[in-house]
């Protein structure tokens, strides 16, 4: 009969230790990015631009602002004839992750405890 109270005490201790770790985890939000897309030809489907925009530890407003700034800087580089990916935008340090689809740059930007992720699809012609 002594084992039951000891088991209950161990469960309570485990719950106290595990509880704050899961409660402190920041939620990941999926954000709209349809307005950051464009067609290859006028009137065509919007198949290029920012897709799968997500943020952890922040708001969608921040994610959209930073992703749009990244996109504008990248496209300005393309217009100059350079394929140069922005490494820092609005204090976020960006890393290009391995691509999972053709013609796609998977980007991750971090600033403190905030992480932004998105896929940027470029036209091939």
PDB file of N, CA and C in Angstrom:
ATOM      1  N   UNK A   1       0.809  -1.196   0.000  1.00  0.00           N
ATOM      2  CA  UNK A   1       0.000   0.000   0.000  1.00  0.00           C
ATOM      3  C   UNK A   1       0.853   1.262   0.000  1.00  0.00           C
ATOM      4  N   UNK A   2       2.111   1.191   0.422  1.00  0.00           N
ATOM      5  CA  UNK A   2       2.961   2.387   0.452  1.00  0.00           C
ATOM      6  C   UNK A   2       3.332   2.831  -0.961  1.00  0.00           C
ATOM      7  N   UNK A   3       3.299   1.948  -1.944  1.00  0.00           N
ATOM      8  CA  UNK A   3       3.719   2.285  -3.301  1.00  0.00           C
ATOM      9  C   UNK A   3       2.743   3.239  -3.993  1.00  0.00           C
ATOM     10  N   UNK A   4       1.517   3.136  -3.719  1.00  0.00           N
ATOM     11  CA  UNK A   4       0.541   4.019  -4.359  1.00  0.00           C
ATOM     12  C   UNK A   4       0.807   5.488  -4.046  1.00  0.00           C
ATOM     13  N   UNK A   5       0.987   5.920  -2.821  1.00  0.00           N
ATOM     14  CA  UNK A   5       1.278   7.329  -2.561  1.00  0.00           C
ATOM     15  C   UNK A   5       2.627   7.754  -3.178  1.00  0.00           C
ATOM     16  N   UNK A   6       3.611   6.874  -3.195  1.00  0.00           N
ATOM     17  CA  UNK A   6       4.895   7.213  -3.797  1.00  0.00           C
ATOM     18  C   UNK A   6       4.731   7.403  -5.304  1.00  0.00           C
ATOM     19  N   UNK A   7       3.956   6.553  -5.945  1.00  0.00           N
ATOM     20  CA  UNK A   7       3.713   6.682  -7.380  1.00  0.00           C
ATOM     21  C   UNK A   7       2.977   7.982  -7.682  1.00  0.00           C
ATOM     22  N   UNK A   8       2.022   8.331  -6.871  1.00  0.00           N
ATOM     23  CA  UNK A   8       1.287   9.583  -7.065  1.00  0.00           C
ATOM     24  C   UNK A   8       2.228  10.771  -6.895  1.00  0.00           C
ATOM     25  N   UNK A   9       3.083  10.710  -5.902  1.00  0.00           N
ATOM     26  CA  UNK A   9       4.042  11.795  -5.666  1.00  0.00           C
ATOM     27  C   UNK A   9       4.988  11.937  -6.857  1.00  0.00           C
ATOM     28  N   UNK A  10       5.442  10.839  -7.433  1.00  0.00           N
ATOM     29  CA  UNK A  10       6.319  10.891  -8.600  1.00  0.00           C
ATOM     30  C   UNK A  10       5.598  11.485  -9.809  1.00  0.00           C
ATOM     31  N   UNK A  11       4.337  11.146  -9.989  1.00  0.00           N
ATOM     32  CA  UNK A  11       3.565  11.723 -11.086  1.00  0.00           C
ATOM     33  C   UNK A  11       3.395  13.232 -10.913  1.00  0.00           C
ATOM     34  N   UNK A  12       3.149  13.670  -9.704  1.00  0.00           N
ATOM     35  CA  UNK A  12       2.994  15.106  -9.440  1.00  0.00           C
ATOM     36  C   UNK A  12       4.304  15.836  -9.725  1.00  0.00           C
ATOM     37  N   UNK A  13       5.421  15.267  -9.282  1.00  0.00           N
ATOM     38  CA  UNK A  13       6.725  15.884  -9.535  1.00  0.00           C
ATOM     39  C   UNK A  13       7.003  15.935 -11.034  1.00  0.00           C
ATOM     40  N   UNK A  14       6.709  14.859 -11.754  1.00  0.00           N
ATOM     41  CA  UNK A  14       6.925  14.832 -13.205  1.00  0.00           C
ATOM     42  C   UNK A  14       6.055  15.875 -13.898  1.00  0.00           C
ATOM     43  N   UNK A  15       4.818  16.019 -13.473  1.00  0.00           N
ATOM     44  CA  UNK A  15       3.929  17.006 -14.082  1.00  0.00           C
ATOM     45  C   UNK A  15       4.418  18.421 -13.826  1.00  0.00           C
ATOM     46  N   UNK A  16       4.948  18.668 -12.653  1.00  0.00           N
ATOM     47  CA  UNK A  16       5.464  20.001 -12.328  1.00  0.00           C
ATOM     48  C   UNK A  16       6.689  20.310 -13.177  1.00  0.00           C
ATOM     49  N   UNK A  17       7.547  19.322 -13.380  1.00  0.00           N
ATOM     50  CA  UNK A  17       8.759  19.539 -14.173  1.00  0.00           C
ATOM     51  C   UNK A  17       8.468  19.665 -15.664  1.00  0.00           C
ATOM     52  N   UNK A  18       7.552  18.889 -16.182  1.00  0.00           N
ATOM     53  CA  UNK A  18       7.241  18.896 -17.609  1.00  0.00           C
ATOM     54  C   UNK A  18       6.308  20.045 -17.966  1.00  0.00           C
ATOM     55  N   UNK A  19       5.393  20.414 -17.109  1.00  0.00           N
ATOM     56  CA  UNK A  19       4.400  21.444 -17.382  1.00  0.00           C
ATOM     57  C   UNK A  19       4.958  22.773 -17.858  1.00  0.00           C
ATOM     58  N   UNK A  20       5.888  23.394 -17.141  1.00  0.00           N
ATOM     59  CA  UNK A  20       6.399  24.690 -17.581  1.00  0.00           C
ATOM     60  C   UNK A  20       7.135  24.633 -18.910  1.00  0.00           C
ATOM     61  N   UNK A  21       7.785  23.537 -19.212  1.00  0.00           N
ATOM     62  CA  UNK A  21       8.515  23.437 -20.478  1.00  0.00           C
ATOM     63  C   UNK A  21       7.551  23.479 -21.659  1.00  0.00           C
ATOM     64  N   UNK A  22       6.444  22.783 -21.566  1.00  0.00           N
ATOM     65  CA  UNK A  22       5.498  22.790 -22.676  1.00  0.00           C
ATOM     66  C   UNK A  22       4.694  24.083 -22.714  1.00  0.00           C
ATOM     67  N   UNK A  23       4.434  24.680 -21.564  1.00  0.00           N
ATOM     68  CA  UNK A  23       3.682  25.932 -21.539  1.00  0.00           C
ATOM     69  C   UNK A  23       4.518  27.084 -22.084  1.00  0.00           C
ATOM     70  N   UNK A  24       5.839  27.012 -21.933  1.00  0.00           N
ATOM     71  CA  UNK A  24       6.714  28.088 -22.383  1.00  0.00           C
ATOM     72  C   UNK A  24       6.989  28.038 -23.883  1.00  0.00           C
ATOM     73  N   UNK A  25       6.683  26.925 -24.528  1.00  0.00           N
ATOM     74  CA  UNK A  25       6.931  26.801 -25.964  1.00  0.00           C
ATOM     75  C   UNK A  25       6.025  27.764 -26.731  1.00  0.00           C
ATOM     76  N   UNK A  26       6.639  28.545 -27.611  1.00  0.00           N
ATOM     77  CA  UNK A  26       5.872  29.518 -28.397  1.00  0.00           C
ATOM     78  C   UNK A  26       5.111  28.800 -29.507  1.00  0.00           C
ATOM     79  N   UNK A  27       3.895  29.233 -29.797  1.00  0.00           N
ATOM     80  CA  UNK A  27       3.124  28.590 -30.857  1.00  0.00           C
ATOM     81  C   UNK A  27       3.638  28.999 -32.238  1.00  0.00           C
ATOM     82  N   UNK A  28       3.513  28.091 -33.184  1.00  0.00           N
ATOM     83  CA  UNK A  28       3.851  28.404 -34.570  1.00  0.00           C
ATOM     84  C   UNK A  28       2.559  28.770 -35.282  1.00  0.00           C
ATOM     85  N   UNK A  29       2.571  29.913 -35.942  1.00  0.00           N
ATOM     86  CA  UNK A  29       1.390  30.396 -36.650  1.00  0.00           C
ATOM     87  C   UNK A  29       1.627  30.308 -38.151  1.00  0.00           C
ATOM     88  N   UNK A  30       0.589  29.963 -38.879  1.00  0.00           N
ATOM     89  CA  UNK A  30       0.622  29.986 -40.336  1.00  0.00           C
ATOM     90  C   UNK A  30      -0.007  31.304 -40.775  1.00  0.00           C
ATOM     91  N   UNK A  31       0.697  32.029 -41.639  1.00  0.00           N
ATOM     92  CA  UNK A  31       0.258  33.369 -42.029  1.00  0.00           C
ATOM     93  C   UNK A  31      -0.084  33.420 -43.518  1.00  0.00           C
ATOM     94  N   UNK A  32      -0.984  34.317 -43.872  1.00  0.00           N
ATOM     95  CA  UNK A  32      -1.376  34.496 -45.272  1.00  0.00           C
ATOM     96  C   UNK A  32      -0.246  35.161 -46.044  1.00  0.00           C
ATOM     97  N   UNK A  33      -0.043  34.702 -47.279  1.00  0.00           N
ATOM     98  CA  UNK A  33       1.006  35.290 -48.112  1.00  0.00           C
ATOM     99  C   UNK A  33       0.567  35.427 -49.569  1.00  0.00           C
ATOM    100  N   UNK A  34      -0.719  35.289 -49.829  1.00  0.00           N
ATOM    101  CA  UNK A  34      -1.223  35.319 -51.204  1.00  0.00           C
ATOM    102  C   UNK A  34      -0.907  36.637 -51.915  1.00  0.00           C
ATOM    103  N   UNK A  35      -0.857  37.741 -51.173  1.00  0.00           N
ATOM    104  CA  UNK A  35      -0.574  39.033 -51.808  1.00  0.00           C
ATOM    105  C   UNK A  35       0.915  39.200 -52.149  1.00  0.00           C
ATOM    106  N   UNK A  36       1.751  38.249 -51.750  1.00  0.00           N
ATOM    107  CA  UNK A  36       3.176  38.290 -52.073  1.00  0.00           C
ATOM    108  C   UNK A  36       3.519  37.291 -53.185  1.00  0.00           C
ATOM    109  N   UNK A  37       2.527  36.994 -54.009  1.00  0.00           N
ATOM    110  CA  UNK A  37       2.708  36.062 -55.129  1.00  0.00           C
ATOM    111  C   UNK A  37       2.375  36.765 -56.430  1.00  0.00           C
ATOM    112  N   UNK A  38       2.902  36.234 -57.530  1.00  0.00           N
ATOM    113  CA  UNK A  38       2.658  36.863 -58.828  1.00  0.00           C
ATOM    114  C   UNK A  38       2.674  35.798 -59.927  1.00  0.00           C
ATOM    115  N   UNK A  39       2.031  36.096 -61.055  1.00  0.00           N
ATOM    116  CA  UNK A  39       2.001  35.142 -62.169  1.00  0.00           C
ATOM    117  C   UNK A  39       3.232  35.287 -63.058  1.00  0.00           C
ATOM    118  N   UNK A  40       3.519  34.247 -63.823  1.00  0.00           N
ATOM    119  CA  UNK A  40       4.617  34.300 -64.789  1.00  0.00           C
ATOM    120  C   UNK A  40       4.251  35.234 -65.941  1.00  0.00           C
ATOM    121  N   UNK A  41       2.998  35.169 -66.358  1.00  0.00           N
ATOM    122  CA  UNK A  41       2.474  36.040 -67.407  1.00  0.00           C
ATOM    123  C   UNK A  41       1.239  36.749 -66.876  1.00  0.00           C
ATOM    124  N   UNK A  42       0.965  37.963 -67.350  1.00  0.00           N
ATOM    125  CA  UNK A  42      -0.233  38.670 -66.881  1.00  0.00           C
ATOM    126  C   UNK A  42      -1.493  37.817 -67.073  1.00  0.00           C
ATOM    127  N   UNK A  43      -2.299  37.763 -66.035  1.00  0.00           N
ATOM    128  CA  UNK A  43      -3.540  36.999 -66.091  1.00  0.00           C
ATOM    129  C   UNK A  43      -3.372  35.521 -65.767  1.00  0.00           C
ATOM    130  N   UNK A  44      -2.151  35.063 -65.618  1.00  0.00           N
ATOM    131  CA  UNK A  44      -1.898  33.656 -65.305  1.00  0.00           C
ATOM    132  C   UNK A  44      -2.044  33.372 -63.818  1.00  0.00           C
ATOM    133  N   UNK A  45      -1.886  32.112 -63.425  1.00  0.00           N
ATOM    134  CA  UNK A  45      -1.990  31.778 -62.004  1.00  0.00           C
ATOM    135  C   UNK A  45      -0.795  32.346 -61.231  1.00  0.00           C
ATOM    136  N   UNK A  46      -1.047  32.715 -60.007  1.00  0.00           N
ATOM    137  CA  UNK A  46       0.010  33.272 -59.162  1.00  0.00           C
ATOM    138  C   UNK A  46       0.822  32.115 -58.559  1.00  0.00           C
ATOM    139  N   UNK A  47       1.819  31.673 -59.309  1.00  0.00           N
ATOM    140  CA  UNK A  47       2.585  30.497 -58.911  1.00  0.00           C
ATOM    141  C   UNK A  47       3.998  30.822 -58.426  1.00  0.00           C
ATOM    142  N   UNK A  48       4.356  32.109 -58.321  1.00  0.00           N
ATOM    143  CA  UNK A  48       5.692  32.485 -57.879  1.00  0.00           C
ATOM    144  C   UNK A  48       5.597  33.473 -56.728  1.00  0.00           C
ATOM    145  N   UNK A  49       6.604  33.493 -55.878  1.00  0.00           N
ATOM    146  CA  UNK A  49       6.623  34.399 -54.734  1.00  0.00           C
ATOM    147  C   UNK A  49       6.712  33.633 -53.429  1.00  0.00           C
ATOM    148  N   UNK A  50       6.133  34.194 -52.367  1.00  0.00           N
ATOM    149  CA  UNK A  50       6.228  33.639 -51.016  1.00  0.00           C
ATOM    150  C   UNK A  50       5.091  32.647 -50.759  1.00  0.00           C
ATOM    151  N   UNK A  51       5.456  31.459 -50.292  1.00  0.00           N
ATOM    152  CA  UNK A  51       4.501  30.411 -49.927  1.00  0.00           C
ATOM    153  C   UNK A  51       4.874  29.872 -48.549  1.00  0.00           C
ATOM    154  N   UNK A  52       3.928  29.212 -47.895  1.00  0.00           N
ATOM    155  CA  UNK A  52       4.146  28.522 -46.616  1.00  0.00           C
ATOM    156  C   UNK A  52       4.777  29.429 -45.561  1.00  0.00           C
ATOM    157  N   UNK A  53       4.249  30.618 -45.389  1.00  0.00           N
ATOM    158  CA  UNK A  53       4.779  31.569 -44.416  1.00  0.00           C
ATOM    159  C   UNK A  53       4.349  31.172 -43.009  1.00  0.00           C
ATOM    160  N   UNK A  54       5.347  31.005 -42.115  1.00  0.00           N
ATOM    161  CA  UNK A  54       5.088  30.609 -40.727  1.00  0.00           C
ATOM    162  C   UNK A  54       5.969  31.440 -39.798  1.00  0.00           C
ATOM    163  N   UNK A  55       5.495  31.633 -38.581  1.00  0.00           N
ATOM    164  CA  UNK A  55       6.292  32.340 -37.569  1.00  0.00           C
ATOM    165  C   UNK A  55       6.106  31.660 -36.222  1.00  0.00           C
ATOM    166  N   UNK A  56       7.208  31.555 -35.486  1.00  0.00           N
ATOM    167  CA  UNK A  56       7.194  31.020 -34.130  1.00  0.00           C
ATOM    168  C   UNK A  56       7.691  32.121 -33.205  1.00  0.00           C
ATOM    169  N   UNK A  57       6.917  32.417 -32.180  1.00  0.00           N
ATOM    170  CA  UNK A  57       7.319  33.429 -31.212  1.00  0.00           C
ATOM    171  C   UNK A  57       7.067  34.850 -31.669  1.00  0.00           C
ATOM    172  N   UNK A  58       6.129  35.044 -32.562  1.00  0.00           N
ATOM    173  CA  UNK A  58       5.822  36.388 -33.055  1.00  0.00           C
ATOM    174  C   UNK A  58       4.443  36.429 -33.688  1.00  0.00           C
ATOM    175  N   UNK A  59       4.166  37.538 -34.363  1.00  0.00           N
ATOM    176  CA  UNK A  59       2.856  37.723 -34.980  1.00  0.00           C
ATOM    177  C   UNK A  59       2.952  37.607 -36.503  1.00  0.00           C
ATOM    178  N   UNK A  60       1.829  37.380 -37.122  1.00  0.00           N
ATOM    179  CA  UNK A  60       1.782  37.309 -38.581  1.00  0.00           C
ATOM    180  C   UNK A  60       2.127  38.658 -39.209  1.00  0.00           C
ATOM    181  N   UNK A  61       1.824  39.747 -38.527  1.00  0.00           N
ATOM    182  CA  UNK A  61       2.182  41.074 -39.040  1.00  0.00           C
ATOM    183  C   UNK A  61       3.694  41.169 -39.220  1.00  0.00           C
ATOM    184  N   UNK A  62       4.433  40.700 -38.241  1.00  0.00           N
ATOM    185  CA  UNK A  62       5.899  40.703 -38.325  1.00  0.00           C
ATOM    186  C   UNK A  62       6.363  39.792 -39.443  1.00  0.00           C
ATOM    187  N   UNK A  63       5.805  38.585 -39.515  1.00  0.00           N
ATOM    188  CA  UNK A  63       6.213  37.621 -40.542  1.00  0.00           C
ATOM    189  C   UNK A  63       5.983  38.184 -41.937  1.00  0.00           C
ATOM    190  N   UNK A  64       4.845  38.796 -42.153  1.00  0.00           N
ATOM    191  CA  UNK A  64       4.518  39.343 -43.470  1.00  0.00           C
ATOM    192  C   UNK A  64       5.438  40.512 -43.823  1.00  0.00           C
ATOM    193  N   UNK A  65       5.696  41.390 -42.866  1.00  0.00           N
ATOM    194  CA  UNK A  65       6.561  42.546 -43.114  1.00  0.00           C
ATOM    195  C   UNK A  65       7.982  42.101 -43.472  1.00  0.00           C
ATOM    196  N   UNK A  66       8.528  41.155 -42.721  1.00  0.00           N
ATOM    197  CA  UNK A  66       9.895  40.693 -42.949  1.00  0.00           C
ATOM    198  C   UNK A  66       9.990  39.891 -44.247  1.00  0.00           C
ATOM    199  N   UNK A  67       9.026  39.014 -44.518  1.00  0.00           N
ATOM    200  CA  UNK A  67       9.046  38.227 -45.754  1.00  0.00           C
ATOM    201  C   UNK A  67       8.936  39.139 -46.973  1.00  0.00           C
ATOM    202  N   UNK A  68       8.105  40.163 -46.881  1.00  0.00           N
ATOM    203  CA  UNK A  68       7.959  41.100 -48.000  1.00  0.00           C
ATOM    204  C   UNK A  68       9.260  41.883 -48.221  1.00  0.00           C
ATOM    205  N   UNK A  69       9.909  42.303 -47.137  1.00  0.00           N
ATOM    206  CA  UNK A  69      11.184  43.016 -47.256  1.00  0.00           C
ATOM    207  C   UNK A  69      12.257  42.102 -47.855  1.00  0.00           C
ATOM    208  N   UNK A  70      12.278  40.822 -47.452  1.00  0.00           N
ATOM    209  CA  UNK A  70      13.233  39.855 -48.003  1.00  0.00           C
ATOM    210  C   UNK A  70      12.990  39.699 -49.508  1.00  0.00           C
ATOM    211  N   UNK A  71      11.718  39.532 -49.882  1.00  0.00           N
ATOM    212  CA  UNK A  71      11.350  39.357 -51.282  1.00  0.00           C
ATOM    213  C   UNK A  71      11.759  40.576 -52.109  1.00  0.00           C
ATOM    214  N   UNK A  72      11.491  41.776 -51.613  1.00  0.00           N
ATOM    215  CA  UNK A  72      11.832  42.992 -52.354  1.00  0.00           C
ATOM    216  C   UNK A  72      13.340  43.135 -52.532  1.00  0.00           C
ATOM    217  N   UNK A  73      14.103  42.798 -51.495  1.00  0.00           N
ATOM    218  CA  UNK A  73      15.567  42.878 -51.599  1.00  0.00           C
ATOM    219  C   UNK A  73      16.104  41.835 -52.587  1.00  0.00           C
ATOM    220  N   UNK A  74      15.574  40.627 -52.532  1.00  0.00           N
ATOM    221  CA  UNK A  74      16.006  39.571 -53.451  1.00  0.00           C
ATOM    222  C   UNK A  74      15.685  39.939 -54.893  1.00  0.00           C
ATOM    223  N   UNK A  75      14.475  40.434 -55.130  1.00  0.00           N
ATOM    224  CA  UNK A  75      14.080  40.802 -56.494  1.00  0.00           C
ATOM    225  C   UNK A  75      14.868  42.014 -57.002  1.00  0.00           C
ATOM    226  N   UNK A  76      15.232  42.937 -56.113  1.00  0.00           N
ATOM    227  CA  UNK A  76      16.084  44.067 -56.516  1.00  0.00           C
ATOM    228  C   UNK A  76      17.457  43.538 -56.959  1.00  0.00           C
ATOM    229  N   UNK A  77      17.980  42.562 -56.256  1.00  0.00           N
ATOM    230  CA  UNK A  77      19.256  41.945 -56.650  1.00  0.00           C
ATOM    231  C   UNK A  77      19.124  41.264 -58.010  1.00  0.00           C
ATOM    232  N   UNK A  78      17.996  40.589 -58.247  1.00  0.00           N
ATOM    233  CA  UNK A  78      17.785  39.917 -59.543  1.00  0.00           C
ATOM    234  C   UNK A  78      17.738  40.933 -60.681  1.00  0.00           C
ATOM    235  N   UNK A  79      17.082  42.064 -60.439  1.00  0.00           N
ATOM    236  CA  UNK A  79      17.015  43.097 -61.478  1.00  0.00           C
ATOM    237  C   UNK A  79      18.407  43.644 -61.819  1.00  0.00           C
ATOM    238  N   UNK A  80      19.318  43.605 -60.862  1.00  0.00           N
ATOM    239  CA  UNK A  80      20.707  44.039 -61.095  1.00  0.00           C
ATOM    240  C   UNK A  80      21.543  42.943 -61.752  1.00  0.00           C
ATOM    241  N   UNK A  81      20.939  41.768 -61.968  1.00  0.00           N
ATOM    242  CA  UNK A  81      21.648  40.664 -62.593  1.00  0.00           C
ATOM    243  C   UNK A  81      22.390  39.765 -61.615  1.00  0.00           C
ATOM    244  N   UNK A  82      22.081  39.877 -60.334  1.00  0.00           N
ATOM    245  CA  UNK A  82      22.743  39.055 -59.316  1.00  0.00           C
ATOM    246  C   UNK A  82      21.737  38.092 -58.695  1.00  0.00           C
ATOM    247  N   UNK A  83      22.162  36.866 -58.479  1.00  0.00           N
ATOM    248  CA  UNK A  83      21.340  35.928 -57.716  1.00  0.00           C
ATOM    249  C   UNK A  83      21.940  35.902 -56.315  1.00  0.00           C
ATOM    250  N   UNK A  84      21.608  36.926 -55.538  1.00  0.00           N
ATOM    251  CA  UNK A  84      22.138  37.074 -54.189  1.00  0.00           C
ATOM    252  C   UNK A  84      20.984  37.057 -53.204  1.00  0.00           C
ATOM    253  N   UNK A  85      20.994  36.058 -52.326  1.00  0.00           N
ATOM    254  CA  UNK A  85      19.936  35.939 -51.325  1.00  0.00           C
ATOM    255  C   UNK A  85      20.243  36.849 -50.144  1.00  0.00           C
ATOM    256  N   UNK A  86      19.259  37.606 -49.678  1.00  0.00           N
ATOM    257  CA  UNK A  86      19.475  38.454 -48.503  1.00  0.00           C
ATOM    258  C   UNK A  86      19.804  37.606 -47.275  1.00  0.00           C
ATOM    259  N   UNK A  87      20.808  37.999 -46.530  1.00  0.00           N
ATOM    260  CA  UNK A  87      21.212  37.279 -45.320  1.00  0.00           C
ATOM    261  C   UNK A  87      20.685  37.934 -44.061  1.00  0.00           C
ATOM    262  N   UNK A  88      20.315  39.211 -44.144  1.00  0.00           N
ATOM    263  CA  UNK A  88      19.805  39.917 -42.982  1.00  0.00           C
ATOM    264  C   UNK A  88      18.744  40.916 -43.440  1.00  0.00           C
ATOM    265  N   UNK A  89      17.565  40.824 -42.824  1.00  0.00           N
ATOM    266  CA  UNK A  89      16.462  41.737 -43.132  1.00  0.00           C
ATOM    267  C   UNK A  89      15.786  42.110 -41.819  1.00  0.00           C
ATOM    268  N   UNK A  90      15.720  43.401 -41.538  1.00  0.00           N
ATOM    269  CA  UNK A  90      15.053  43.923 -40.345  1.00  0.00           C
ATOM    270  C   UNK A  90      15.515  43.233 -39.061  1.00  0.00           C
ATOM    271  N   UNK A  91      16.801  42.949 -38.979  1.00  0.00           N
ATOM    272  CA  UNK A  91      17.369  42.324 -37.786  1.00  0.00           C
ATOM    273  C   UNK A  91      17.271  40.816 -37.749  1.00  0.00           C
ATOM    274  N   UNK A  92      16.598  40.203 -38.715  1.00  0.00           N
ATOM    275  CA  UNK A  92      16.494  38.752 -38.786  1.00  0.00           C
ATOM    276  C   UNK A  92      17.659  38.221 -39.618  1.00  0.00           C
ATOM    277  N   UNK A  93      18.359  37.227 -39.103  1.00  0.00           N
ATOM    278  CA  UNK A  93      19.458  36.582 -39.827  1.00  0.00           C
ATOM    279  C   UNK A  93      18.872  35.385 -40.573  1.00  0.00           C
ATOM    280  N   UNK A  94      19.010  35.386 -41.911  1.00  0.00           N
ATOM    281  CA  UNK A  94      18.408  34.344 -42.738  1.00  0.00           C
ATOM    282  C   UNK A  94      19.406  33.272 -43.137  1.00  0.00           C
ATOM    283  N   UNK A  95      18.913  32.043 -43.154  1.00  0.00           N
ATOM    284  CA  UNK A  95      19.655  30.874 -43.610  1.00  0.00           C
ATOM    285  C   UNK A  95      18.819  30.179 -44.667  1.00  0.00           C
ATOM    286  N   UNK A  96      19.461  29.760 -45.752  1.00  0.00           N
ATOM    287  CA  UNK A  96      18.752  29.008 -46.784  1.00  0.00           C
ATOM    288  C   UNK A  96      18.849  27.526 -46.448  1.00  0.00           C
ATOM    289  N   UNK A  97      17.707  26.888 -46.283  1.00  0.00           N
ATOM    290  CA  UNK A  97      17.633  25.468 -45.951  1.00  0.00           C
ATOM    291  C   UNK A  97      17.564  24.649 -47.236  1.00  0.00           C
ATOM    292  N   UNK A  98      17.810  23.340 -47.170  1.00  0.00           N
ATOM    293  CA  UNK A  98      17.732  22.513 -48.376  1.00  0.00           C
ATOM    294  C   UNK A  98      16.357  22.603 -49.048  1.00  0.00           C
ATOM    295  N   UNK A  99      16.375  22.677 -50.369  1.00  0.00           N
ATOM    296  CA  UNK A  99      15.127  22.785 -51.142  1.00  0.00           C
ATOM    297  C   UNK A  99      14.399  21.450 -51.167  1.00  0.00           C
ATOM    298  N   UNK A 100      13.082  21.523 -51.088  1.00  0.00           N
ATOM    299  CA  UNK A 100      12.254  20.320 -51.182  1.00  0.00           C
ATOM    300  C   UNK A 100      11.477  20.288 -52.489  1.00  0.00           C
ATOM    301  N   UNK A 101      11.496  21.404 -53.227  1.00  0.00           N
ATOM    302  CA  UNK A 101      10.808  21.500 -54.517  1.00  0.00           C
ATOM    303  C   UNK A 101      11.709  22.249 -55.486  1.00  0.00           C
ATOM    304  N   UNK A 102      11.558  21.989 -56.786  1.00  0.00           N
ATOM    305  CA  UNK A 102      12.374  22.723 -57.760  1.00  0.00           C
ATOM    306  C   UNK A 102      12.065  24.218 -57.746  1.00  0.00           C
ATOM    307  N   UNK A 103      13.071  25.026 -58.099  1.00  0.00           N
ATOM    308  CA  UNK A 103      12.923  26.476 -58.215  1.00  0.00           C
ATOM    309  C   UNK A 103      12.495  27.132 -56.911  1.00  0.00           C
ATOM    310  N   UNK A 104      12.861  26.566 -55.772  1.00  0.00           N
ATOM    311  CA  UNK A 104      12.405  27.065 -54.482  1.00  0.00           C
ATOM    312  C   UNK A 104      13.580  27.293 -53.543  1.00  0.00           C
ATOM    313  N   UNK A 105      13.537  28.428 -52.861  1.00  0.00           N
ATOM    314  CA  UNK A 105      14.470  28.710 -51.773  1.00  0.00           C
ATOM    315  C   UNK A 105      13.686  28.582 -50.477  1.00  0.00           C
ATOM    316  N   UNK A 106      14.105  27.683 -49.597  1.00  0.00           N
ATOM    317  CA  UNK A 106      13.487  27.560 -48.278  1.00  0.00           C
ATOM    318  C   UNK A 106      14.286  28.436 -47.324  1.00  0.00           C
ATOM    319  N   UNK A 107      13.646  29.439 -46.774  1.00  0.00           N
ATOM    320  CA  UNK A 107      14.334  30.414 -45.941  1.00  0.00           C
ATOM    321  C   UNK A 107      13.884  30.321 -44.490  1.00  0.00           C
ATOM    322  N   UNK A 108      14.855  30.532 -43.592  1.00  0.00           N
ATOM    323  CA  UNK A 108      14.566  30.601 -42.159  1.00  0.00           C
ATOM    324  C   UNK A 108      15.277  31.829 -41.609  1.00  0.00           C
ATOM    325  N   UNK A 109      14.526  32.713 -40.982  1.00  0.00           N
ATOM    326  CA  UNK A 109      15.093  33.912 -40.384  1.00  0.00           C
ATOM    327  C   UNK A 109      14.892  33.886 -38.884  1.00  0.00           C
ATOM    328  N   UNK A 110      15.957  34.242 -38.151  1.00  0.00           N
ATOM    329  CA  UNK A 110      15.865  34.239 -36.687  1.00  0.00           C
ATOM    330  C   UNK A 110      16.310  35.575 -36.116  1.00  0.00           C
ATOM    331  N   UNK A 111      15.572  35.986 -35.096  1.00  0.00           N
ATOM    332  CA  UNK A 111      15.915  37.186 -34.340  1.00  0.00           C
ATOM    333  C   UNK A 111      15.469  36.918 -32.914  1.00  0.00           C
ATOM    334  N   UNK A 112      16.423  36.705 -32.019  1.00  0.00           N
ATOM    335  CA  UNK A 112      16.079  36.348 -30.640  1.00  0.00           C
ATOM    336  C   UNK A 112      15.332  35.024 -30.614  1.00  0.00           C
ATOM    337  N   UNK A 113      14.161  35.038 -30.008  1.00  0.00           N
ATOM    338  CA  UNK A 113      13.352  33.816 -29.905  1.00  0.00           C
ATOM    339  C   UNK A 113      12.307  33.711 -31.011  1.00  0.00           C
ATOM    340  N   UNK A 114      12.361  34.616 -31.986  1.00  0.00           N
ATOM    341  CA  UNK A 114      11.388  34.620 -33.076  1.00  0.00           C
ATOM    342  C   UNK A 114      12.006  33.990 -34.316  1.00  0.00           C
ATOM    343  N   UNK A 115      11.268  33.074 -34.941  1.00  0.00           N
ATOM    344  CA  UNK A 115      11.720  32.402 -36.156  1.00  0.00           C
ATOM    345  C   UNK A 115      10.650  32.527 -37.233  1.00  0.00           C
ATOM    346  N   UNK A 116      11.084  32.932 -38.421  1.00  0.00           N
ATOM    347  CA  UNK A 116      10.201  33.039 -39.582  1.00  0.00           C
ATOM    348  C   UNK A 116      10.674  32.035 -40.618  1.00  0.00           C
ATOM    349  N   UNK A 117       9.724  31.306 -41.219  1.00  0.00           N
ATOM    350  CA  UNK A 117      10.049  30.353 -42.284  1.00  0.00           C
ATOM    351  C   UNK A 117       9.122  30.592 -43.467  1.00  0.00           C
ATOM    352  N   UNK A 118       9.681  30.461 -44.669  1.00  0.00           N
ATOM    353  CA  UNK A 118       8.854  30.532 -45.864  1.00  0.00           C
ATOM    354  C   UNK A 118       9.598  29.913 -47.032  1.00  0.00           C
ATOM    355  N   UNK A 119       8.834  29.576 -48.068  1.00  0.00           N
ATOM    356  CA  UNK A 119       9.391  29.072 -49.322  1.00  0.00           C
ATOM    357  C   UNK A 119       9.209  30.171 -50.359  1.00  0.00           C
ATOM    358  N   UNK A 120      10.289  30.493 -51.065  1.00  0.00           N
ATOM    359  CA  UNK A 120      10.212  31.494 -52.116  1.00  0.00           C
ATOM    360  C   UNK A 120      10.424  30.794 -53.458  1.00  0.00           C
ATOM    361  N   UNK A 121       9.402  30.802 -54.303  1.00  0.00           N
ATOM    362  CA  UNK A 121       9.440  30.133 -55.606  1.00  0.00           C
ATOM    363  C   UNK A 121       9.782  31.155 -56.664  1.00  0.00           C
ATOM    364  N   UNK A 122      10.823  30.864 -57.469  1.00  0.00           N
ATOM    365  CA  UNK A 122      11.265  31.778 -58.534  1.00  0.00           C
ATOM    366  C   UNK A 122      10.873  31.233 -59.889  1.00  0.00           C
ATOM    367  N   UNK A 123      10.562  32.121 -60.851  1.00  0.00           N
ATOM    368  CA  UNK A 123      10.259  31.655 -62.205  1.00  0.00           C
ATOM    369  C   UNK A 123      11.520  31.142 -62.891  1.00  0.00           C
ATOM    370  N   UNK A 124      11.351  30.237 -63.829  1.00  0.00           N
ATOM    371  CA  UNK A 124      12.521  29.653 -64.486  1.00  0.00           C
ATOM    372  C   UNK A 124      12.839  30.324 -65.822  1.00  0.00           C
ATOM    373  N   UNK A 125      12.127  31.303 -66.213  1.00  0.00           N
ATOM    374  CA  UNK A 125      12.426  31.882 -67.525  1.00  0.00           C
ATOM    375  C   UNK A 125      12.154  33.311 -67.514  1.00  0.00           C
TER     376      UNK A 125
END
